Amino acid sequence: MQVGNAVYAGPDDLPLEIPVFPLSGALLLPRGQLPLNIFEPRYVAMLDAALAGPRLVGMVQPRFDGAVVPPGGAPPLCEVGCVGRVTAFSETGDGRYLITLVGVARFRIVEEPPSGRLYRVARVDARDFAADFVVRGGEGEVDRAGLLRTFRDYLAANDLEADWDGVEKTPTETLVNALAMMAPFGPGEKQALLEARDLRTRADTLVAITEVALARARRDERPLQ
């Protein structure tokens, strides 16, 4: 699998330790593109370090289950995140970076050792997600027609339009992951989409979550946004 100028054949091509960017509600999936505006000093330092190295950053959500933050400590993180490679960046002149992060593979956090840095670093293991390195793997198992029906229902409920010619030409993996990343759901739903076992499960989970949200929106007579 190629991401930018780098090739990743499998979990062993990833470093054992990566900087992590905790961001609630953010979802990065393999080969998905996530634009980010980096402005906090600790994350500017994180990006400087990433750009000086393999250009990898792990996106992960803070835990949302009421986990206790230790005195003077950082909020606990979800166990599963997704590592991405910085494929584009620009400096704004006022201390910020505008970057594009492209997903490589999911990982489990093994340990978060003290780093002595402004930003957080984690030891990670991607072996449970070896299938993430297979481009378009599992597309044939996805109910693409069902996914598109739900997408149409979502657009209709919000008076939105789509470029259907473009949608029809989009590979199924790209479509599933892009819709999951753009979906207007909360941290719990985003984490469920991230941790879905395979592409089919992610598509089925996305359809189920969207249908529940649409039913709730119809009941409350409000748009789903």
C-alpha atoms as a PDB file:
ATOM      1  CA  MET A   1       0.000   0.000   0.000  1.00  0.00           C
ATOM      2  CA  GLN A   2       1.368   3.419  -0.958  1.00  0.00           C
ATOM      3  CA  VAL A   3       0.527   6.583   0.966  1.00  0.00           C
ATOM      4  CA  GLY A   4       2.142   9.663  -0.499  1.00  0.00           C
ATOM      5  CA  ASN A   5       5.742   8.715  -1.255  1.00  0.00           C
ATOM      6  CA  ALA A   6       5.874   5.926   1.340  1.00  0.00           C
ATOM      7  CA  VAL A   7       5.024   2.248   0.903  1.00  0.00           C
ATOM      8  CA  TYR A   8       3.638   0.182   3.784  1.00  0.00           C
ATOM      9  CA  ALA A   9       3.470  -3.568   3.177  1.00  0.00           C
ATOM     10  CA  GLY A  10       2.218  -4.502   6.626  1.00  0.00           C
ATOM     11  CA  PRO A  11       2.314  -3.788  10.367  1.00  0.00           C
ATOM     12  CA  ASP A  12       6.078  -4.293  10.568  1.00  0.00           C
ATOM     13  CA  ASP A  13       6.578  -1.212   8.367  1.00  0.00           C
ATOM     14  CA  LEU A  14       5.195   1.037  11.111  1.00  0.00           C
ATOM     15  CA  PRO A  15       7.343   2.286  13.983  1.00  0.00           C
ATOM     16  CA  LEU A  16       6.651   0.845  17.424  1.00  0.00           C
ATOM     17  CA  GLU A  17       6.250   4.334  18.886  1.00  0.00           C
ATOM     18  CA  ILE A  18       4.346   7.252  17.351  1.00  0.00           C
ATOM     19  CA  PRO A  19       3.145  10.693  18.422  1.00  0.00           C
ATOM     20  CA  VAL A  20      -0.594  10.691  19.087  1.00  0.00           C
ATOM     21  CA  PHE A  21      -3.106  13.468  18.562  1.00  0.00           C
ATOM     22  CA  PRO A  22      -6.124  13.078  20.883  1.00  0.00           C
ATOM     23  CA  LEU A  23      -9.172  14.648  19.243  1.00  0.00           C
ATOM     24  CA  SER A  24     -12.732  13.898  20.263  1.00  0.00           C
ATOM     25  CA  GLY A  25     -15.154  13.218  17.418  1.00  0.00           C
ATOM     26  CA  ALA A  26     -12.402  12.921  14.799  1.00  0.00           C
ATOM     27  CA  LEU A  27     -12.255   9.776  12.679  1.00  0.00           C
ATOM     28  CA  LEU A  28      -9.413   8.711  10.418  1.00  0.00           C
ATOM     29  CA  LEU A  29      -9.685   5.459   8.460  1.00  0.00           C
ATOM     30  CA  PRO A  30      -7.211   3.651   6.182  1.00  0.00           C
ATOM     31  CA  ARG A  31      -6.674   5.659   2.991  1.00  0.00           C
ATOM     32  CA  GLY A  32      -9.111   8.325   4.181  1.00  0.00           C
ATOM     33  CA  GLN A  33      -8.054  11.970   4.039  1.00  0.00           C
ATOM     34  CA  LEU A  34      -8.372  14.171   7.112  1.00  0.00           C
ATOM     35  CA  PRO A  35      -7.602  17.919   6.865  1.00  0.00           C
ATOM     36  CA  LEU A  36      -6.395  19.443  10.123  1.00  0.00           C
ATOM     37  CA  ASN A  37      -5.621  22.927  11.371  1.00  0.00           C
ATOM     38  CA  ILE A  38      -2.749  22.588  13.863  1.00  0.00           C
ATOM     39  CA  PHE A  39      -2.360  25.581  16.157  1.00  0.00           C
ATOM     40  CA  GLU A  40      -1.785  24.553  19.786  1.00  0.00           C
ATOM     41  CA  PRO A  41       1.945  24.788  20.628  1.00  0.00           C
ATOM     42  CA  ARG A  42       2.142  21.163  21.795  1.00  0.00           C
ATOM     43  CA  TYR A  43       0.661  19.901  18.533  1.00  0.00           C
ATOM     44  CA  VAL A  44       2.793  22.241  16.443  1.00  0.00           C
ATOM     45  CA  ALA A  45       5.764  20.622  18.221  1.00  0.00           C
ATOM     46  CA  MET A  46       4.253  17.203  17.481  1.00  0.00           C
ATOM     47  CA  LEU A  47       3.988  18.016  13.794  1.00  0.00           C
ATOM     48  CA  ASP A  48       7.518  19.422  13.671  1.00  0.00           C
ATOM     49  CA  ALA A  49       8.758  16.104  15.063  1.00  0.00           C
ATOM     50  CA  ALA A  50       6.613  14.089  12.651  1.00  0.00           C
ATOM     51  CA  LEU A  51       7.867  16.063   9.652  1.00  0.00           C
ATOM     52  CA  ALA A  52      11.455  15.519  10.787  1.00  0.00           C
ATOM     53  CA  GLY A  53      10.814  11.758  10.928  1.00  0.00           C
ATOM     54  CA  PRO A  54       8.494   9.315   9.150  1.00  0.00           C
ATOM     55  CA  ARG A  55       5.626  11.854   8.946  1.00  0.00           C
ATOM     56  CA  LEU A  56       3.301   9.599  10.946  1.00  0.00           C
ATOM     57  CA  VAL A  57       0.733  10.761  13.510  1.00  0.00           C
ATOM     58  CA  GLY A  58      -1.727   8.600  15.405  1.00  0.00           C
ATOM     59  CA  MET A  59      -5.270   9.948  15.593  1.00  0.00           C
ATOM     60  CA  VAL A  60      -7.102   8.712  18.681  1.00  0.00           C
ATOM     61  CA  GLN A  61     -10.081   9.845  20.719  1.00  0.00           C
ATOM     62  CA  PRO A  62      -9.969  10.578  24.438  1.00  0.00           C
ATOM     63  CA  ARG A  63     -12.067   8.024  26.274  1.00  0.00           C
ATOM     64  CA  PHE A  64     -15.710   9.044  26.546  1.00  0.00           C
ATOM     65  CA  ASP A  65     -16.876   6.509  29.137  1.00  0.00           C
ATOM     66  CA  GLY A  66     -16.291   8.670  32.186  1.00  0.00           C
ATOM     67  CA  ALA A  67     -12.798   7.352  32.864  1.00  0.00           C
ATOM     68  CA  VAL A  68     -11.137   9.184  35.748  1.00  0.00           C
ATOM     69  CA  VAL A  69      -8.291  11.530  34.862  1.00  0.00           C
ATOM     70  CA  PRO A  70      -5.418  10.995  37.305  1.00  0.00           C
ATOM     71  CA  PRO A  71      -4.348  14.094  39.269  1.00  0.00           C
ATOM     72  CA  GLY A  72      -2.014  16.102  37.095  1.00  0.00           C
ATOM     73  CA  GLY A  73      -2.352  13.541  34.333  1.00  0.00           C
ATOM     74  CA  ALA A  74      -3.655  13.543  30.790  1.00  0.00           C
ATOM     75  CA  PRO A  75      -7.118  12.225  29.826  1.00  0.00           C
ATOM     76  CA  PRO A  76      -7.084   8.461  29.147  1.00  0.00           C
ATOM     77  CA  LEU A  77      -7.247   7.490  25.475  1.00  0.00           C
ATOM     78  CA  CYS A  78      -9.353   4.969  23.587  1.00  0.00           C
ATOM     79  CA  GLU A  79      -7.483   1.741  22.977  1.00  0.00           C
ATOM     80  CA  VAL A  80      -7.812   1.844  19.175  1.00  0.00           C
ATOM     81  CA  GLY A  81      -6.745   4.669  16.871  1.00  0.00           C
ATOM     82  CA  CYS A  82      -5.524   5.082  13.292  1.00  0.00           C
ATOM     83  CA  VAL A  83      -2.084   6.169  12.180  1.00  0.00           C
ATOM     84  CA  GLY A  84      -1.876   8.575   9.266  1.00  0.00           C
ATOM     85  CA  ARG A  85       0.905   9.991   7.128  1.00  0.00           C
ATOM     86  CA  VAL A  86       1.216  13.726   6.522  1.00  0.00           C
ATOM     87  CA  THR A  87       1.020  13.989   2.726  1.00  0.00           C
ATOM     88  CA  ALA A  88       0.611  17.757   2.460  1.00  0.00           C
ATOM     89  CA  PHE A  89       1.240  20.716   4.723  1.00  0.00           C
ATOM     90  CA  SER A  90       1.513  24.465   4.583  1.00  0.00           C
ATOM     91  CA  GLU A  91       2.629  27.083   7.067  1.00  0.00           C
ATOM     92  CA  THR A  92       0.243  29.970   7.604  1.00  0.00           C
ATOM     93  CA  GLY A  93       2.756  32.532   8.857  1.00  0.00           C
ATOM     94  CA  ASP A  94       0.987  32.902  12.201  1.00  0.00           C
ATOM     95  CA  GLY A  95       2.325  29.747  13.812  1.00  0.00           C
ATOM     96  CA  ARG A  96      -0.210  27.277  12.426  1.00  0.00           C
ATOM     97  CA  TYR A  97       0.041  24.320  10.083  1.00  0.00           C
ATOM     98  CA  LEU A  98      -2.639  23.255   7.635  1.00  0.00           C
ATOM     99  CA  ILE A  99      -2.114  19.575   6.898  1.00  0.00           C
ATOM    100  CA  THR A 100      -3.662  16.597   5.164  1.00  0.00           C
ATOM    101  CA  LEU A 101      -3.366  13.312   6.998  1.00  0.00           C
ATOM    102  CA  VAL A 102      -3.975  10.119   4.992  1.00  0.00           C
ATOM    103  CA  GLY A 103      -4.853   7.012   6.961  1.00  0.00           C
ATOM    104  CA  VAL A 104      -2.479   4.060   6.867  1.00  0.00           C
ATOM    105  CA  ALA A 105      -3.796   1.511   9.370  1.00  0.00           C
ATOM    106  CA  ARG A 106      -5.473   1.140  12.722  1.00  0.00           C
ATOM    107  CA  PHE A 107      -3.519   0.313  15.869  1.00  0.00           C
ATOM    108  CA  ARG A 108      -3.929  -0.638  19.505  1.00  0.00           C
ATOM    109  CA  ILE A 109      -2.184   1.377  22.160  1.00  0.00           C
ATOM    110  CA  VAL A 110       0.122  -0.926  24.095  1.00  0.00           C
ATOM    111  CA  GLU A 111       1.544   1.673  26.448  1.00  0.00           C
ATOM    112  CA  GLU A 112       1.878   5.412  26.823  1.00  0.00           C
ATOM    113  CA  PRO A 113       5.317   5.915  28.363  1.00  0.00           C
ATOM    114  CA  PRO A 114       6.461   9.251  29.800  1.00  0.00           C
ATOM    115  CA  SER A 115       7.996  11.124  26.896  1.00  0.00           C
ATOM    116  CA  GLY A 116       9.299  14.365  28.345  1.00  0.00           C
ATOM    117  CA  ARG A 117       7.828  16.096  25.294  1.00  0.00           C
ATOM    118  CA  LEU A 118       5.059  18.659  24.953  1.00  0.00           C
ATOM    119  CA  TYR A 119       2.941  16.111  23.074  1.00  0.00           C
ATOM    120  CA  ARG A 120       1.887  12.551  23.848  1.00  0.00           C
ATOM    121  CA  VAL A 121       3.623   9.456  22.482  1.00  0.00           C
ATOM    122  CA  ALA A 122       2.336   5.885  22.483  1.00  0.00           C
ATOM    123  CA  ARG A 123       3.756   2.460  21.811  1.00  0.00           C
ATOM    124  CA  VAL A 124       1.390   0.833  19.354  1.00  0.00           C
ATOM    125  CA  ASP A 125       0.683  -2.513  17.722  1.00  0.00           C
ATOM    126  CA  ALA A 126      -1.061  -2.797  14.326  1.00  0.00           C
ATOM    127  CA  ARG A 127      -0.916  -6.589  13.986  1.00  0.00           C
ATOM    128  CA  ASP A 128      -4.637  -7.020  14.715  1.00  0.00           C
ATOM    129  CA  PHE A 129      -5.335  -4.810  11.690  1.00  0.00           C
ATOM    130  CA  ALA A 130      -3.094  -6.376   9.047  1.00  0.00           C
ATOM    131  CA  ALA A 131      -6.039  -6.365   6.613  1.00  0.00           C
ATOM    132  CA  ASP A 132      -5.925  -2.549   6.619  1.00  0.00           C
ATOM    133  CA  PHE A 133      -2.829  -2.731   4.404  1.00  0.00           C
ATOM    134  CA  VAL A 134      -4.789  -4.477   1.618  1.00  0.00           C
ATOM    135  CA  VAL A 135      -6.203  -1.817  -0.698  1.00  0.00           C
ATOM    136  CA  ARG A 136      -9.925  -2.314  -1.417  1.00  0.00           C
ATOM    137  CA  GLY A 137      -9.960  -5.504   0.608  1.00  0.00           C
ATOM    138  CA  GLY A 138     -13.443  -6.895   1.291  1.00  0.00           C
ATOM    139  CA  GLU A 139     -15.278  -4.640  -1.158  1.00  0.00           C
ATOM    140  CA  GLY A 140     -17.218  -7.558  -2.614  1.00  0.00           C
ATOM    141  CA  GLU A 141     -18.830  -8.259   0.766  1.00  0.00           C
ATOM    142  CA  VAL A 142     -20.330  -4.770   1.133  1.00  0.00           C
ATOM    143  CA  ASP A 143     -24.028  -4.158   0.421  1.00  0.00           C
ATOM    144  CA  ARG A 144     -23.248  -1.112  -1.701  1.00  0.00           C
ATOM    145  CA  ALA A 145     -26.860  -0.712  -2.882  1.00  0.00           C
ATOM    146  CA  GLY A 146     -28.105  -0.650   0.715  1.00  0.00           C
ATOM    147  CA  LEU A 147     -25.449   1.867   1.683  1.00  0.00           C
ATOM    148  CA  LEU A 148     -26.438   4.155  -1.191  1.00  0.00           C
ATOM    149  CA  ARG A 149     -30.137   3.898  -0.283  1.00  0.00           C
ATOM    150  CA  THR A 150     -29.356   5.094   3.218  1.00  0.00           C
ATOM    151  CA  PHE A 151     -27.144   7.847   1.836  1.00  0.00           C
ATOM    152  CA  ARG A 152     -30.010   9.015  -0.384  1.00  0.00           C
ATOM    153  CA  ASP A 153     -32.347   9.032   2.625  1.00  0.00           C
ATOM    154  CA  TYR A 154     -29.846  11.114   4.571  1.00  0.00           C
ATOM    155  CA  LEU A 155     -29.516  13.636   1.735  1.00  0.00           C
ATOM    156  CA  ALA A 156     -33.296  13.860   1.310  1.00  0.00           C
ATOM    157  CA  ALA A 157     -33.794  14.428   5.043  1.00  0.00           C
ATOM    158  CA  ASN A 158     -31.378  17.362   4.932  1.00  0.00           C
ATOM    159  CA  ASP A 159     -32.328  18.811   1.505  1.00  0.00           C
ATOM    160  CA  LEU A 160     -28.858  18.052   0.168  1.00  0.00           C
ATOM    161  CA  GLU A 161     -27.638  16.959  -3.242  1.00  0.00           C
ATOM    162  CA  ALA A 162     -24.766  14.743  -4.344  1.00  0.00           C
ATOM    163  CA  ASP A 163     -22.745  14.289  -7.506  1.00  0.00           C
ATOM    164  CA  TRP A 164     -24.178  10.869  -8.283  1.00  0.00           C
ATOM    165  CA  ASP A 165     -21.980  10.354 -11.328  1.00  0.00           C
ATOM    166  CA  GLY A 166     -18.982  10.806  -9.072  1.00  0.00           C
ATOM    167  CA  VAL A 167     -20.476   8.596  -6.366  1.00  0.00           C
ATOM    168  CA  GLU A 168     -21.101   5.756  -8.824  1.00  0.00           C
ATOM    169  CA  LYS A 169     -17.467   5.890  -9.961  1.00  0.00           C
ATOM    170  CA  THR A 170     -16.077   5.903  -6.419  1.00  0.00           C
ATOM    171  CA  PRO A 171     -14.564   2.598  -5.241  1.00  0.00           C
ATOM    172  CA  THR A 172     -16.598   0.966  -2.489  1.00  0.00           C
ATOM    173  CA  GLU A 173     -13.818   1.163   0.105  1.00  0.00           C
ATOM    174  CA  THR A 174     -13.350   4.866  -0.532  1.00  0.00           C
ATOM    175  CA  LEU A 175     -17.104   5.455  -0.391  1.00  0.00           C
ATOM    176  CA  VAL A 176     -17.636   3.590   2.881  1.00  0.00           C
ATOM    177  CA  ASN A 177     -14.709   5.217   4.639  1.00  0.00           C
ATOM    178  CA  ALA A 178     -15.440   8.722   3.339  1.00  0.00           C
ATOM    179  CA  LEU A 179     -19.089   8.528   4.419  1.00  0.00           C
ATOM    180  CA  ALA A 180     -18.081   7.173   7.827  1.00  0.00           C
ATOM    181  CA  MET A 181     -15.558   9.974   8.349  1.00  0.00           C
ATOM    182  CA  MET A 182     -18.029  12.682   7.280  1.00  0.00           C
ATOM    183  CA  ALA A 183     -21.016  11.299   9.200  1.00  0.00           C
ATOM    184  CA  PRO A 184     -22.399  13.767  11.784  1.00  0.00           C
ATOM    185  CA  PHE A 185     -22.222  11.393  14.733  1.00  0.00           C
ATOM    186  CA  GLY A 186     -20.743  11.561  18.199  1.00  0.00           C
ATOM    187  CA  PRO A 187     -17.566  10.043  19.658  1.00  0.00           C
ATOM    188  CA  GLY A 188     -19.165   6.699  20.518  1.00  0.00           C
ATOM    189  CA  GLU A 189     -20.495   6.128  17.035  1.00  0.00           C
ATOM    190  CA  LYS A 190     -17.223   7.273  15.487  1.00  0.00           C
ATOM    191  CA  GLN A 191     -15.294   4.814  17.623  1.00  0.00           C
ATOM    192  CA  ALA A 192     -17.659   1.998  16.652  1.00  0.00           C
ATOM    193  CA  LEU A 193     -17.024   2.769  12.979  1.00  0.00           C
ATOM    194  CA  LEU A 194     -13.280   2.815  13.594  1.00  0.00           C
ATOM    195  CA  GLU A 195     -13.271  -0.506  15.442  1.00  0.00           C
ATOM    196  CA  ALA A 196     -15.538  -2.329  12.972  1.00  0.00           C
ATOM    197  CA  ARG A 197     -13.940  -5.677  12.161  1.00  0.00           C
ATOM    198  CA  ASP A 198     -13.859  -5.221   8.378  1.00  0.00           C
ATOM    199  CA  LEU A 199     -15.218  -3.060   5.579  1.00  0.00           C
ATOM    200  CA  ARG A 200     -18.549  -4.887   5.432  1.00  0.00           C
ATOM    201  CA  THR A 201     -19.066  -4.499   9.173  1.00  0.00           C
ATOM    202  CA  ARG A 202     -18.192  -0.809   8.953  1.00  0.00           C
ATOM    203  CA  ALA A 203     -20.710  -0.286   6.139  1.00  0.00           C
ATOM    204  CA  ASP A 204     -23.413  -2.200   8.033  1.00  0.00           C
ATOM    205  CA  THR A 205     -22.666  -0.225  11.204  1.00  0.00           C
ATOM    206  CA  LEU A 206     -22.844   3.055   9.304  1.00  0.00           C
ATOM    207  CA  VAL A 207     -26.210   2.114   7.776  1.00  0.00           C
ATOM    208  CA  ALA A 208     -27.617   1.043  11.154  1.00  0.00           C
ATOM    209  CA  ILE A 209     -26.457   4.183  12.970  1.00  0.00           C
ATOM    210  CA  THR A 210     -27.767   6.431  10.187  1.00  0.00           C
ATOM    211  CA  GLU A 211     -31.157   4.714  10.078  1.00  0.00           C
ATOM    212  CA  VAL A 212     -31.572   5.092  13.850  1.00  0.00           C
ATOM    213  CA  ALA A 213     -30.591   8.764  13.659  1.00  0.00           C
ATOM    214  CA  LEU A 214     -32.981   9.374  10.735  1.00  0.00           C
ATOM    215  CA  ALA A 215     -35.841   7.745  12.624  1.00  0.00           C
ATOM    216  CA  ARG A 216     -35.108   9.903  15.657  1.00  0.00           C
ATOM    217  CA  ALA A 217     -34.910  13.036  13.497  1.00  0.00           C
ATOM    218  CA  ARG A 218     -38.272  12.241  11.865  1.00  0.00           C
ATOM    219  CA  ARG A 219     -39.816  11.727  15.279  1.00  0.00           C
ATOM    220  CA  ASP A 220     -38.466  15.052  16.514  1.00  0.00           C
ATOM    221  CA  GLU A 221     -39.205  16.771  13.160  1.00  0.00           C
ATOM    222  CA  ARG A 222     -35.710  18.132  12.755  1.00  0.00           C
ATOM    223  CA  PRO A 223     -32.907  17.627  10.207  1.00  0.00           C
ATOM    224  CA  LEU A 224     -30.074  15.190  10.891  1.00  0.00           C
ATOM    225  CA  GLN A 225     -26.946  17.323  10.843  1.00  0.00           C
END
